[in-house]
Amino acid sequence: MELKIDNDQIKALVAEGVLAQLDKDGRDTVIKQAIEFLLTPPPSDRYAYGTKPKAPLTEAYERAVNLSAQDIVRDLVREDTAFQAAIHDSVTDVLAKAMEDSYSFKEVVTSALARALVDLHYDKEN
């Protein structure tokens, strides 16, 4: 017999058990420290040079906004063929301009395409 317990259920039970063992002052302290943690950026030595650390709550909010924006744009692109065509034309124009103006870009793209085609051909044979 295999016993499966959801990770979120375990966390909820542990949190409930810990809080049940604390008196009112202890619970207030734990809650206060949790809120401070959510609102306080970590030390700046944990981040790359030049980046400003963000509080966990700020990072979570920004991640949620970014994911929502991605969903909106994905739906817009999937549903609007005129928008798809405009994106296609813009990308085509940018690539054509880059290929005309930049030998090194042309070289990078052509060698990457050549490697991909060789790999694809090799994969099909094996």
Protein backbone atom coordinates (compact mmCIF):
# COMPACT_ATOMS: atom_id res chain seq x y z
CA MET A 1 0.00 0.00 0.00
CA GLU A 2 1.37 3.37 -1.02
CA LEU A 3 0.52 6.44 1.04
CA LYS A 4 0.47 9.74 -0.80
CA ILE A 5 0.14 13.03 1.04
CA ASP A 6 -0.03 16.35 -0.75
CA ASN A 7 2.91 18.64 0.01
CA ASP A 8 0.61 21.63 0.59
CA GLN A 9 -1.44 19.60 3.08
CA ILE A 10 1.71 18.70 5.01
CA LYS A 11 2.79 22.35 5.12
CA ALA A 12 -0.65 23.43 6.31
CA LEU A 13 -0.72 20.76 9.04
CA VAL A 14 2.78 21.63 10.24
CA ALA A 15 1.96 25.36 10.30
CA GLU A 16 -1.27 24.66 12.19
CA GLY A 17 0.56 22.44 14.68
CA VAL A 18 3.31 24.98 15.29
CA LEU A 19 0.88 27.85 15.78
CA ALA A 20 -1.26 25.72 18.12
CA GLN A 21 1.77 25.24 20.40
CA LEU A 22 2.43 28.99 20.71
CA ASP A 23 0.75 31.35 23.08
CA LYS A 24 -0.70 34.67 21.86
CA ASP A 25 2.62 36.54 22.19
CA GLY A 26 4.44 33.76 20.34
CA ARG A 27 1.89 33.78 17.49
CA ASP A 28 2.10 37.57 17.27
CA THR A 29 5.90 37.36 17.07
CA VAL A 30 5.82 34.67 14.34
CA ILE A 31 3.27 36.62 12.29
CA LYS A 32 5.21 39.88 12.71
CA GLN A 33 8.46 38.21 11.62
CA ALA A 34 6.75 36.59 8.62
CA ILE A 35 5.37 39.95 7.48
CA GLU A 36 8.76 41.61 7.97
CA PHE A 37 10.37 38.85 5.89
CA LEU A 38 7.88 39.35 3.06
CA LEU A 39 8.45 43.12 3.00
CA THR A 40 12.23 43.22 3.51
CA PRO A 41 14.68 42.82 0.61
CA PRO A 42 17.49 40.32 1.23
CA PRO A 43 21.04 41.57 1.73
CA SER A 44 22.47 43.03 -1.48
CA ASP A 45 25.47 40.66 -1.40
CA ARG A 46 23.13 37.86 -2.56
CA TYR A 47 22.51 39.54 -5.92
CA ALA A 48 24.55 40.23 -9.01
CA TYR A 49 26.49 43.43 -9.26
CA GLY A 50 24.27 46.36 -10.08
CA THR A 51 20.95 44.73 -9.30
CA LYS A 52 18.87 45.95 -6.42
CA PRO A 53 17.42 43.20 -4.24
CA LYS A 54 13.64 43.08 -3.93
CA ALA A 55 11.42 41.94 -1.11
CA PRO A 56 9.86 38.48 -1.62
CA LEU A 57 6.37 40.02 -1.79
CA THR A 58 7.53 42.46 -4.48
CA GLU A 59 9.10 39.64 -6.50
CA ALA A 60 5.93 37.56 -6.20
CA TYR A 61 3.77 40.49 -7.34
CA GLU A 62 6.04 41.25 -10.31
CA ARG A 63 6.11 37.57 -11.30
CA ALA A 64 2.30 37.43 -11.19
CA VAL A 65 2.03 40.58 -13.32
CA ASN A 66 4.52 39.19 -15.85
CA LEU A 67 2.71 35.86 -16.09
CA SER A 68 -0.62 37.62 -16.57
CA ALA A 69 0.85 39.85 -19.26
CA GLN A 70 2.29 36.80 -21.04
CA ASP A 71 -1.12 35.12 -20.97
CA ILE A 72 -2.80 38.22 -22.40
CA VAL A 73 -0.24 38.59 -25.19
CA ARG A 74 -0.33 34.86 -25.97
CA ASP A 75 -4.13 35.01 -26.32
CA LEU A 76 -3.90 38.15 -28.45
CA VAL A 77 -1.37 36.56 -30.79
CA ARG A 78 -3.31 33.29 -31.06
CA GLU A 79 -6.63 34.99 -31.80
CA ASP A 80 -5.65 37.94 -34.00
CA THR A 81 -4.33 36.93 -37.44
CA ALA A 82 -3.66 40.56 -38.38
CA PHE A 83 -1.46 40.87 -35.30
CA GLN A 84 0.33 37.63 -36.23
CA ALA A 85 0.99 39.00 -39.71
CA ALA A 86 2.30 42.29 -38.30
CA ILE A 87 4.71 40.42 -35.99
CA HIS A 88 5.83 38.18 -38.86
CA ASP A 89 6.47 41.20 -41.10
CA SER A 90 8.38 43.05 -38.36
CA VAL A 91 10.60 40.08 -37.56
CA THR A 92 11.23 39.45 -41.26
CA ASP A 93 12.18 43.10 -41.80
CA VAL A 94 14.52 43.14 -38.80
CA LEU A 95 16.26 39.93 -39.88
CA ALA A 96 16.60 41.15 -43.48
CA LYS A 97 18.09 44.44 -42.30
CA ALA A 98 20.49 42.66 -39.93
CA MET A 99 21.59 40.27 -42.68
CA GLU A 100 22.30 43.19 -45.02
CA ASP A 101 24.17 45.33 -42.53
CA SER A 102 26.11 42.93 -40.37
CA TYR A 103 28.52 40.35 -41.69
CA SER A 104 29.16 38.95 -38.21
CA PHE A 105 25.44 38.54 -37.59
CA LYS A 106 25.07 36.81 -40.95
CA GLU A 107 27.95 34.51 -40.10
CA VAL A 108 26.51 33.61 -36.69
CA VAL A 109 23.04 32.91 -38.08
CA THR A 110 24.25 30.87 -41.05
CA SER A 111 26.63 28.75 -38.97
CA ALA A 112 23.91 28.18 -36.34
CA LEU A 113 21.48 27.12 -39.06
CA ALA A 114 24.09 24.85 -40.63
CA ARG A 115 24.80 23.18 -37.26
CA ALA A 116 21.08 22.74 -36.62
CA LEU A 117 20.54 21.18 -40.04
CA VAL A 118 23.48 18.81 -39.62
CA ASP A 119 22.25 17.83 -36.15
CA LEU A 120 18.74 17.33 -37.49
CA HIS A 121 20.02 15.18 -40.36
CA TYR A 122 22.25 13.18 -37.98
CA ASP A 123 19.39 12.63 -35.54
CA LYS A 124 17.15 11.32 -38.32
CA GLU A 125 19.77 8.78 -39.40
CA ASN A 126 20.24 7.43 -35.85
